[in-house]
């Protein structure tokens, strides 16, 4: 058996969805989507165990592919990832399948790269290789333009999404506010 690490899965991914995704490449031995112990909230990554040959084909086909608006990161799990997976505090109560967990209205926004597409230069004479990208979180979306290769712009958009997500985890708005100036009385 080979353990596959799957990262950047959409927030609403369920075990049945992941099984369906990987089953087209061979028999899936097990799926372990990582949840927090306290809130049972999905963390956006997980592990899939498959036969070695099927795993290699799945990795080759799925790494970098778009799944429900997210660019997947699929590779063979490293020894450190497997060890970290074992060290995660497992709940003492019986395991609840992710499919059985009701959605929470308290979940913060989690942005993911929806797409990256080549567009004409926004300003004449600004050069070629411009791409438009969109970050999505439910009904919210952020669109931007960036110049570079497809890989560079995809990496840039992924870093932007990670920055928004980090701000969200810290409880800060994704928007920045202008400084408030106090009126002075003369």
C-alpha atoms as a PDB file:
ATOM      1  CA  UNK A   1       0.000   0.000   0.000  1.00  0.00           C
ATOM      2  CA  UNK A   2       1.051   3.577  -0.720  1.00  0.00           C
ATOM      3  CA  UNK A   3      -0.080   6.558   1.353  1.00  0.00           C
ATOM      4  CA  UNK A   4      -0.971   9.622  -0.709  1.00  0.00           C
ATOM      5  CA  UNK A   5      -1.079  13.147   0.714  1.00  0.00           C
ATOM      6  CA  UNK A   6      -3.907  15.266  -0.744  1.00  0.00           C
ATOM      7  CA  UNK A   7      -3.778  18.990  -0.039  1.00  0.00           C
ATOM      8  CA  UNK A   8      -5.882  22.046  -0.881  1.00  0.00           C
ATOM      9  CA  UNK A   9      -9.151  20.145  -0.845  1.00  0.00           C
ATOM     10  CA  UNK A  10     -12.283  22.336  -0.758  1.00  0.00           C
ATOM     11  CA  UNK A  11     -13.791  22.913   2.711  1.00  0.00           C
ATOM     12  CA  UNK A  12     -16.948  20.991   1.904  1.00  0.00           C
ATOM     13  CA  UNK A  13     -15.126  17.823   0.778  1.00  0.00           C
ATOM     14  CA  UNK A  14     -16.552  14.690   2.332  1.00  0.00           C
ATOM     15  CA  UNK A  15     -14.976  11.244   2.575  1.00  0.00           C
ATOM     16  CA  UNK A  16     -17.409   9.956  -0.046  1.00  0.00           C
ATOM     17  CA  UNK A  17     -16.283  12.716  -2.468  1.00  0.00           C
ATOM     18  CA  UNK A  18     -12.593  11.892  -1.974  1.00  0.00           C
ATOM     19  CA  UNK A  19     -13.276   8.171  -2.378  1.00  0.00           C
ATOM     20  CA  UNK A  20     -15.144   8.801  -5.637  1.00  0.00           C
ATOM     21  CA  UNK A  21     -12.275  10.992  -6.895  1.00  0.00           C
ATOM     22  CA  UNK A  22      -9.589   8.356  -6.238  1.00  0.00           C
ATOM     23  CA  UNK A  23     -11.665   5.231  -6.979  1.00  0.00           C
ATOM     24  CA  UNK A  24     -11.453   5.920 -10.708  1.00  0.00           C
ATOM     25  CA  UNK A  25      -7.707   5.090 -10.470  1.00  0.00           C
ATOM     26  CA  UNK A  26      -8.026   1.876  -8.429  1.00  0.00           C
ATOM     27  CA  UNK A  27      -9.242   0.371  -5.169  1.00  0.00           C
ATOM     28  CA  UNK A  28      -9.095   2.772  -2.229  1.00  0.00           C
ATOM     29  CA  UNK A  29      -7.990   1.024   0.967  1.00  0.00           C
ATOM     30  CA  UNK A  30      -8.698   3.946   3.320  1.00  0.00           C
ATOM     31  CA  UNK A  31      -9.315   7.690   3.433  1.00  0.00           C
ATOM     32  CA  UNK A  32      -8.440   9.909   6.391  1.00  0.00           C
ATOM     33  CA  UNK A  33      -9.527  13.537   6.047  1.00  0.00           C
ATOM     34  CA  UNK A  34      -7.893  15.559   8.821  1.00  0.00           C
ATOM     35  CA  UNK A  35     -10.264  17.214  11.285  1.00  0.00           C
ATOM     36  CA  UNK A  36      -9.553  19.374  14.292  1.00  0.00           C
ATOM     37  CA  UNK A  37     -10.178  17.557  17.549  1.00  0.00           C
ATOM     38  CA  UNK A  38     -12.224  20.295  19.180  1.00  0.00           C
ATOM     39  CA  UNK A  39     -14.514  21.495  16.375  1.00  0.00           C
ATOM     40  CA  UNK A  40     -14.336  18.473  14.054  1.00  0.00           C
ATOM     41  CA  UNK A  41     -13.781  20.989  11.228  1.00  0.00           C
ATOM     42  CA  UNK A  42     -12.067  19.752   8.061  1.00  0.00           C
ATOM     43  CA  UNK A  43      -8.515  21.079   7.674  1.00  0.00           C
ATOM     44  CA  UNK A  44      -8.294  20.979   3.847  1.00  0.00           C
ATOM     45  CA  UNK A  45      -6.014  17.962   3.533  1.00  0.00           C
ATOM     46  CA  UNK A  46      -6.019  14.248   4.078  1.00  0.00           C
ATOM     47  CA  UNK A  47      -4.463  10.888   3.292  1.00  0.00           C
ATOM     48  CA  UNK A  48      -5.527   8.146   0.900  1.00  0.00           C
ATOM     49  CA  UNK A  49      -4.133   4.606   0.915  1.00  0.00           C
ATOM     50  CA  UNK A  50      -4.107   2.708  -2.359  1.00  0.00           C
ATOM     51  CA  UNK A  51      -2.206  -0.014  -4.167  1.00  0.00           C
ATOM     52  CA  UNK A  52       1.222   1.299  -5.297  1.00  0.00           C
ATOM     53  CA  UNK A  53       0.481   1.167  -9.045  1.00  0.00           C
ATOM     54  CA  UNK A  54      -2.925   2.838  -8.715  1.00  0.00           C
ATOM     55  CA  UNK A  55      -1.432   5.441  -6.368  1.00  0.00           C
ATOM     56  CA  UNK A  56       1.246   6.418  -8.887  1.00  0.00           C
ATOM     57  CA  UNK A  57      -1.343   6.873 -11.643  1.00  0.00           C
ATOM     58  CA  UNK A  58      -3.628   8.888  -9.321  1.00  0.00           C
ATOM     59  CA  UNK A  59      -0.736  11.149  -8.285  1.00  0.00           C
ATOM     60  CA  UNK A  60       0.315  11.728 -11.896  1.00  0.00           C
ATOM     61  CA  UNK A  61      -3.240  12.536 -13.002  1.00  0.00           C
ATOM     62  CA  UNK A  62      -4.509  14.552 -10.026  1.00  0.00           C
ATOM     63  CA  UNK A  63      -1.526  16.654  -8.898  1.00  0.00           C
ATOM     64  CA  UNK A  64      -2.140  20.208 -10.105  1.00  0.00           C
ATOM     65  CA  UNK A  65      -5.615  19.419 -11.402  1.00  0.00           C
ATOM     66  CA  UNK A  66      -8.632  21.555 -10.536  1.00  0.00           C
ATOM     67  CA  UNK A  67     -11.217  19.894  -8.278  1.00  0.00           C
ATOM     68  CA  UNK A  68     -14.334  21.880  -7.347  1.00  0.00           C
ATOM     69  CA  UNK A  69     -12.480  25.133  -7.986  1.00  0.00           C
ATOM     70  CA  UNK A  70      -9.316  24.226  -6.049  1.00  0.00           C
ATOM     71  CA  UNK A  71      -5.924  23.283  -7.465  1.00  0.00           C
ATOM     72  CA  UNK A  72      -5.050  19.974  -5.804  1.00  0.00           C
ATOM     73  CA  UNK A  73      -1.669  19.102  -4.351  1.00  0.00           C
ATOM     74  CA  UNK A  74      -1.351  15.309  -4.622  1.00  0.00           C
ATOM     75  CA  UNK A  75       1.867  13.434  -3.900  1.00  0.00           C
ATOM     76  CA  UNK A  76       3.207  10.422  -2.097  1.00  0.00           C
ATOM     77  CA  UNK A  77       3.146  11.149   1.629  1.00  0.00           C
ATOM     78  CA  UNK A  78       6.578  11.728   3.133  1.00  0.00           C
ATOM     79  CA  UNK A  79       7.737   9.902   6.251  1.00  0.00           C
ATOM     80  CA  UNK A  80       7.382  13.181   8.195  1.00  0.00           C
ATOM     81  CA  UNK A  81       3.761  13.645   7.058  1.00  0.00           C
ATOM     82  CA  UNK A  82       2.922  10.063   8.001  1.00  0.00           C
ATOM     83  CA  UNK A  83       4.605  10.482  11.397  1.00  0.00           C
ATOM     84  CA  UNK A  84       2.811  13.794  11.993  1.00  0.00           C
ATOM     85  CA  UNK A  85      -0.453  12.086  11.079  1.00  0.00           C
ATOM     86  CA  UNK A  86       0.196   9.493  13.806  1.00  0.00           C
ATOM     87  CA  UNK A  87       1.042  12.203  16.346  1.00  0.00           C
ATOM     88  CA  UNK A  88      -2.184  14.150  15.817  1.00  0.00           C
ATOM     89  CA  UNK A  89      -4.261  14.020  18.975  1.00  0.00           C
ATOM     90  CA  UNK A  90      -7.077  11.704  18.106  1.00  0.00           C
ATOM     91  CA  UNK A  91     -10.380  12.248  19.876  1.00  0.00           C
ATOM     92  CA  UNK A  92     -11.171   9.927  22.751  1.00  0.00           C
ATOM     93  CA  UNK A  93     -14.796   9.653  21.634  1.00  0.00           C
ATOM     94  CA  UNK A  94     -15.783   7.360  18.755  1.00  0.00           C
ATOM     95  CA  UNK A  95     -14.831   8.649  15.322  1.00  0.00           C
ATOM     96  CA  UNK A  96     -17.616  10.539  13.579  1.00  0.00           C
ATOM     97  CA  UNK A  97     -17.563  10.290   9.804  1.00  0.00           C
ATOM     98  CA  UNK A  98     -17.066  13.664   8.139  1.00  0.00           C
ATOM     99  CA  UNK A  99     -20.242  12.994   6.159  1.00  0.00           C
ATOM    100  CA  UNK A 100     -22.198  13.032   9.457  1.00  0.00           C
ATOM    101  CA  UNK A 101     -20.903  16.382  10.730  1.00  0.00           C
ATOM    102  CA  UNK A 102     -23.445  19.170  10.220  1.00  0.00           C
ATOM    103  CA  UNK A 103     -22.081  22.319   8.599  1.00  0.00           C
ATOM    104  CA  UNK A 104     -21.281  25.139  10.977  1.00  0.00           C
ATOM    105  CA  UNK A 105     -22.418  28.712  10.407  1.00  0.00           C
ATOM    106  CA  UNK A 106     -19.393  29.846  12.408  1.00  0.00           C
ATOM    107  CA  UNK A 107     -16.794  28.737   9.862  1.00  0.00           C
ATOM    108  CA  UNK A 108     -14.564  31.533   8.672  1.00  0.00           C
ATOM    109  CA  UNK A 109     -14.060  32.214   5.007  1.00  0.00           C
ATOM    110  CA  UNK A 110     -11.517  29.993   3.342  1.00  0.00           C
ATOM    111  CA  UNK A 111     -10.297  31.264  -0.017  1.00  0.00           C
ATOM    112  CA  UNK A 112      -9.115  28.905  -2.744  1.00  0.00           C
ATOM    113  CA  UNK A 113      -7.852  29.508  -6.266  1.00  0.00           C
ATOM    114  CA  UNK A 114     -10.865  29.045  -8.534  1.00  0.00           C
ATOM    115  CA  UNK A 115      -9.075  29.563 -11.850  1.00  0.00           C
ATOM    116  CA  UNK A 116      -6.149  31.209 -13.619  1.00  0.00           C
ATOM    117  CA  UNK A 117      -6.598  32.217 -17.265  1.00  0.00           C
ATOM    118  CA  UNK A 118      -4.525  34.085 -19.847  1.00  0.00           C
ATOM    119  CA  UNK A 119      -5.853  37.532 -20.792  1.00  0.00           C
ATOM    120  CA  UNK A 120      -4.732  40.300 -23.154  1.00  0.00           C
ATOM    121  CA  UNK A 121      -2.454  42.980 -21.761  1.00  0.00           C
ATOM    122  CA  UNK A 122      -4.522  45.401 -19.623  1.00  0.00           C
ATOM    123  CA  UNK A 123      -2.500  48.400 -20.841  1.00  0.00           C
ATOM    124  CA  UNK A 124      -1.061  48.760 -24.354  1.00  0.00           C
ATOM    125  CA  UNK A 125       2.693  48.255 -24.259  1.00  0.00           C
ATOM    126  CA  UNK A 126       2.640  46.534 -20.829  1.00  0.00           C
ATOM    127  CA  UNK A 127       3.942  43.293 -22.335  1.00  0.00           C
ATOM    128  CA  UNK A 128       2.489  39.852 -22.800  1.00  0.00           C
ATOM    129  CA  UNK A 129       1.900  36.998 -20.360  1.00  0.00           C
ATOM    130  CA  UNK A 130      -0.881  38.517 -18.280  1.00  0.00           C
ATOM    131  CA  UNK A 131      -3.199  36.224 -16.356  1.00  0.00           C
ATOM    132  CA  UNK A 132      -6.427  36.828 -14.482  1.00  0.00           C
ATOM    133  CA  UNK A 133      -7.017  34.773 -11.355  1.00  0.00           C
ATOM    134  CA  UNK A 134      -9.987  34.375  -9.077  1.00  0.00           C
ATOM    135  CA  UNK A 135     -10.023  33.408  -5.415  1.00  0.00           C
ATOM    136  CA  UNK A 136     -13.361  32.037  -4.150  1.00  0.00           C
ATOM    137  CA  UNK A 137     -14.872  31.484  -0.751  1.00  0.00           C
ATOM    138  CA  UNK A 138     -18.500  30.480  -1.040  1.00  0.00           C
ATOM    139  CA  UNK A 139     -20.330  33.358  -2.722  1.00  0.00           C
ATOM    140  CA  UNK A 140     -17.398  35.750  -2.206  1.00  0.00           C
ATOM    141  CA  UNK A 141     -14.719  36.133  -4.837  1.00  0.00           C
ATOM    142  CA  UNK A 142     -11.578  38.183  -5.393  1.00  0.00           C
ATOM    143  CA  UNK A 143     -10.263  38.746  -8.909  1.00  0.00           C
ATOM    144  CA  UNK A 144      -6.819  40.009  -9.808  1.00  0.00           C
ATOM    145  CA  UNK A 145      -4.333  40.425 -12.665  1.00  0.00           C
ATOM    146  CA  UNK A 146      -0.702  39.384 -12.531  1.00  0.00           C
ATOM    147  CA  UNK A 147       2.067  39.129 -15.091  1.00  0.00           C
ATOM    148  CA  UNK A 148       4.248  36.016 -15.462  1.00  0.00           C
ATOM    149  CA  UNK A 149       4.061  32.414 -16.572  1.00  0.00           C
ATOM    150  CA  UNK A 150       1.032  30.277 -15.771  1.00  0.00           C
ATOM    151  CA  UNK A 151       2.963  28.520 -12.983  1.00  0.00           C
ATOM    152  CA  UNK A 152       4.197  31.819 -11.495  1.00  0.00           C
ATOM    153  CA  UNK A 153       0.735  33.380 -11.492  1.00  0.00           C
ATOM    154  CA  UNK A 154      -0.835  30.231 -10.049  1.00  0.00           C
ATOM    155  CA  UNK A 155       1.752  30.257  -7.257  1.00  0.00           C
ATOM    156  CA  UNK A 156       1.132  33.975  -6.669  1.00  0.00           C
ATOM    157  CA  UNK A 157      -2.657  33.443  -6.502  1.00  0.00           C
ATOM    158  CA  UNK A 158      -2.173  30.514  -4.087  1.00  0.00           C
ATOM    159  CA  UNK A 159       0.004  32.728  -1.857  1.00  0.00           C
ATOM    160  CA  UNK A 160      -2.674  35.457  -1.959  1.00  0.00           C
ATOM    161  CA  UNK A 161      -5.335  32.945  -0.890  1.00  0.00           C
ATOM    162  CA  UNK A 162      -3.074  31.720   1.924  1.00  0.00           C
ATOM    163  CA  UNK A 163      -2.557  35.307   3.111  1.00  0.00           C
ATOM    164  CA  UNK A 164      -6.320  35.954   3.181  1.00  0.00           C
ATOM    165  CA  UNK A 165      -6.867  32.666   5.005  1.00  0.00           C
ATOM    166  CA  UNK A 166      -4.186  33.511   7.581  1.00  0.00           C
ATOM    167  CA  UNK A 167      -5.830  36.863   8.269  1.00  0.00           C
ATOM    168  CA  UNK A 168      -9.169  35.104   8.624  1.00  0.00           C
ATOM    169  CA  UNK A 169      -7.726  32.565  11.091  1.00  0.00           C
ATOM    170  CA  UNK A 170      -6.380  35.415  13.217  1.00  0.00           C
ATOM    171  CA  UNK A 171      -9.841  36.980  13.261  1.00  0.00           C
ATOM    172  CA  UNK A 172      -8.930  39.950  11.105  1.00  0.00           C
ATOM    173  CA  UNK A 173     -10.914  41.145   8.160  1.00  0.00           C
ATOM    174  CA  UNK A 174      -9.448  40.493   4.730  1.00  0.00           C
ATOM    175  CA  UNK A 175      -9.951  44.198   4.045  1.00  0.00           C
ATOM    176  CA  UNK A 176      -7.605  46.793   5.378  1.00  0.00           C
ATOM    177  CA  UNK A 177      -9.024  49.951   6.866  1.00  0.00           C
ATOM    178  CA  UNK A 178      -7.756  53.457   6.305  1.00  0.00           C
ATOM    179  CA  UNK A 179      -6.457  55.126   9.452  1.00  0.00           C
ATOM    180  CA  UNK A 180      -9.081  57.127  11.319  1.00  0.00           C
ATOM    181  CA  UNK A 181      -8.114  60.723  11.822  1.00  0.00           C
ATOM    182  CA  UNK A 182      -9.459  62.494  14.876  1.00  0.00           C
ATOM    183  CA  UNK A 183     -10.838  65.983  14.445  1.00  0.00           C
ATOM    184  CA  UNK A 184      -8.922  68.640  16.267  1.00  0.00           C
ATOM    185  CA  UNK A 185     -10.764  71.463  17.913  1.00  0.00           C
ATOM    186  CA  UNK A 186      -9.230  74.904  17.433  1.00  0.00           C
END
